């Protein structure tokens, strides 16, 4: 992947910062409220960050709980 593919968008950065500072997992609704974006936008970018390996997703009933990946989960051998 080149830098253009791994560069985070402003919405992704906002979500990343909210999750980084959260003491617990957050629902999509909580992320949307804290970042002042719609639920749909928050869900879209959370899914993108999850697919890229930046954040974790836990589904329980009809809710999505998001959290930061532990440092060892995303580290690569350099």
C-alpha atoms as a PDB file:
ATOM      1  CA  UNK A   1       0.000   0.000   0.000  1.00  0.00           C
ATOM      2  CA  UNK A   2       1.229   3.479  -0.760  1.00  0.00           C
ATOM      3  CA  UNK A   3       0.758   6.582   1.412  1.00  0.00           C
ATOM      4  CA  UNK A   4      -2.369   7.683  -0.470  1.00  0.00           C
ATOM      5  CA  UNK A   5      -4.123   4.436   0.446  1.00  0.00           C
ATOM      6  CA  UNK A   6      -3.216   4.588   4.135  1.00  0.00           C
ATOM      7  CA  UNK A   7      -3.811   8.308   4.742  1.00  0.00           C
ATOM      8  CA  UNK A   8      -6.766   8.869   7.064  1.00  0.00           C
ATOM      9  CA  UNK A   9      -9.611  11.180   6.079  1.00  0.00           C
ATOM     10  CA  UNK A  10     -10.836  13.938   8.474  1.00  0.00           C
ATOM     11  CA  UNK A  11     -13.872  11.881   9.587  1.00  0.00           C
ATOM     12  CA  UNK A  12     -11.646   8.869  10.230  1.00  0.00           C
ATOM     13  CA  UNK A  13      -9.238  10.982  12.274  1.00  0.00           C
ATOM     14  CA  UNK A  14     -12.144  12.343  14.354  1.00  0.00           C
ATOM     15  CA  UNK A  15     -13.377   8.805  15.080  1.00  0.00           C
ATOM     16  CA  UNK A  16      -9.859   7.601  15.812  1.00  0.00           C
ATOM     17  CA  UNK A  17      -9.322  10.411  18.371  1.00  0.00           C
ATOM     18  CA  UNK A  18     -12.680   9.822  20.080  1.00  0.00           C
ATOM     19  CA  UNK A  19     -11.980   6.109  20.450  1.00  0.00           C
ATOM     20  CA  UNK A  20      -8.412   6.736  21.598  1.00  0.00           C
ATOM     21  CA  UNK A  21      -9.653   8.916  24.455  1.00  0.00           C
ATOM     22  CA  UNK A  22     -12.668   6.762  25.394  1.00  0.00           C
ATOM     23  CA  UNK A  23     -12.400   4.755  28.630  1.00  0.00           C
ATOM     24  CA  UNK A  24     -14.620   2.010  27.162  1.00  0.00           C
ATOM     25  CA  UNK A  25     -16.067   0.702  23.903  1.00  0.00           C
ATOM     26  CA  UNK A  26     -18.450   3.119  22.193  1.00  0.00           C
ATOM     27  CA  UNK A  27     -21.535   2.492  20.110  1.00  0.00           C
ATOM     28  CA  UNK A  28     -21.915   4.013  16.662  1.00  0.00           C
ATOM     29  CA  UNK A  29     -24.488   6.413  18.125  1.00  0.00           C
ATOM     30  CA  UNK A  30     -22.049   7.596  20.820  1.00  0.00           C
ATOM     31  CA  UNK A  31     -19.324   8.115  18.236  1.00  0.00           C
ATOM     32  CA  UNK A  32     -21.727  10.046  16.007  1.00  0.00           C
ATOM     33  CA  UNK A  33     -22.764  12.299  18.901  1.00  0.00           C
ATOM     34  CA  UNK A  34     -19.181  12.968  20.044  1.00  0.00           C
ATOM     35  CA  UNK A  35     -17.962  13.758  16.534  1.00  0.00           C
ATOM     36  CA  UNK A  36     -21.132  15.614  15.472  1.00  0.00           C
ATOM     37  CA  UNK A  37     -21.664  13.487  12.387  1.00  0.00           C
ATOM     38  CA  UNK A  38     -24.681  11.458  11.360  1.00  0.00           C
ATOM     39  CA  UNK A  39     -25.040   7.857  12.494  1.00  0.00           C
ATOM     40  CA  UNK A  40     -24.704   6.702   8.883  1.00  0.00           C
ATOM     41  CA  UNK A  41     -21.441   8.609   8.385  1.00  0.00           C
ATOM     42  CA  UNK A  42     -20.017   7.344  11.679  1.00  0.00           C
ATOM     43  CA  UNK A  43     -20.933   3.758  10.790  1.00  0.00           C
ATOM     44  CA  UNK A  44     -19.391   4.076   7.316  1.00  0.00           C
ATOM     45  CA  UNK A  45     -16.060   5.372   8.568  1.00  0.00           C
ATOM     46  CA  UNK A  46     -15.952   3.017  11.572  1.00  0.00           C
ATOM     47  CA  UNK A  47     -16.372   0.103   9.168  1.00  0.00           C
ATOM     48  CA  UNK A  48     -13.593   1.494   6.968  1.00  0.00           C
ATOM     49  CA  UNK A  49     -11.245   1.832   9.958  1.00  0.00           C
ATOM     50  CA  UNK A  50     -12.177  -1.675  11.066  1.00  0.00           C
ATOM     51  CA  UNK A  51     -11.473  -3.130   7.609  1.00  0.00           C
ATOM     52  CA  UNK A  52      -8.102  -1.356   7.599  1.00  0.00           C
ATOM     53  CA  UNK A  53      -7.275  -2.925  10.965  1.00  0.00           C
ATOM     54  CA  UNK A  54      -7.261   0.249  13.072  1.00  0.00           C
ATOM     55  CA  UNK A  55     -10.264  -0.436  15.320  1.00  0.00           C
ATOM     56  CA  UNK A  56     -12.138  -3.426  16.716  1.00  0.00           C
ATOM     57  CA  UNK A  57     -15.825  -4.186  16.310  1.00  0.00           C
ATOM     58  CA  UNK A  58     -17.960  -6.162  18.717  1.00  0.00           C
ATOM     59  CA  UNK A  59     -21.557  -6.799  17.722  1.00  0.00           C
ATOM     60  CA  UNK A  60     -24.153  -7.441  20.402  1.00  0.00           C
ATOM     61  CA  UNK A  61     -27.781  -7.769  19.388  1.00  0.00           C
ATOM     62  CA  UNK A  62     -28.416  -4.798  17.096  1.00  0.00           C
ATOM     63  CA  UNK A  63     -25.569  -2.621  18.410  1.00  0.00           C
ATOM     64  CA  UNK A  64     -22.031  -2.145  17.201  1.00  0.00           C
ATOM     65  CA  UNK A  65     -19.375  -1.445  19.831  1.00  0.00           C
ATOM     66  CA  UNK A  66     -16.120   0.047  18.603  1.00  0.00           C
ATOM     67  CA  UNK A  67     -12.752   0.274  20.341  1.00  0.00           C
ATOM     68  CA  UNK A  68      -9.112   0.890  19.549  1.00  0.00           C
ATOM     69  CA  UNK A  69      -7.041  -2.112  18.610  1.00  0.00           C
ATOM     70  CA  UNK A  70      -4.440  -2.997  21.165  1.00  0.00           C
ATOM     71  CA  UNK A  71      -0.970  -1.830  20.128  1.00  0.00           C
ATOM     72  CA  UNK A  72       0.243  -5.382  19.545  1.00  0.00           C
ATOM     73  CA  UNK A  73      -2.663  -6.130  17.173  1.00  0.00           C
ATOM     74  CA  UNK A  74      -1.595  -3.549  14.552  1.00  0.00           C
ATOM     75  CA  UNK A  75       2.194  -3.663  14.960  1.00  0.00           C
ATOM     76  CA  UNK A  76       4.215  -5.105  12.151  1.00  0.00           C
ATOM     77  CA  UNK A  77       7.755  -6.381  12.135  1.00  0.00           C
ATOM     78  CA  UNK A  78      10.051  -3.802  10.572  1.00  0.00           C
END
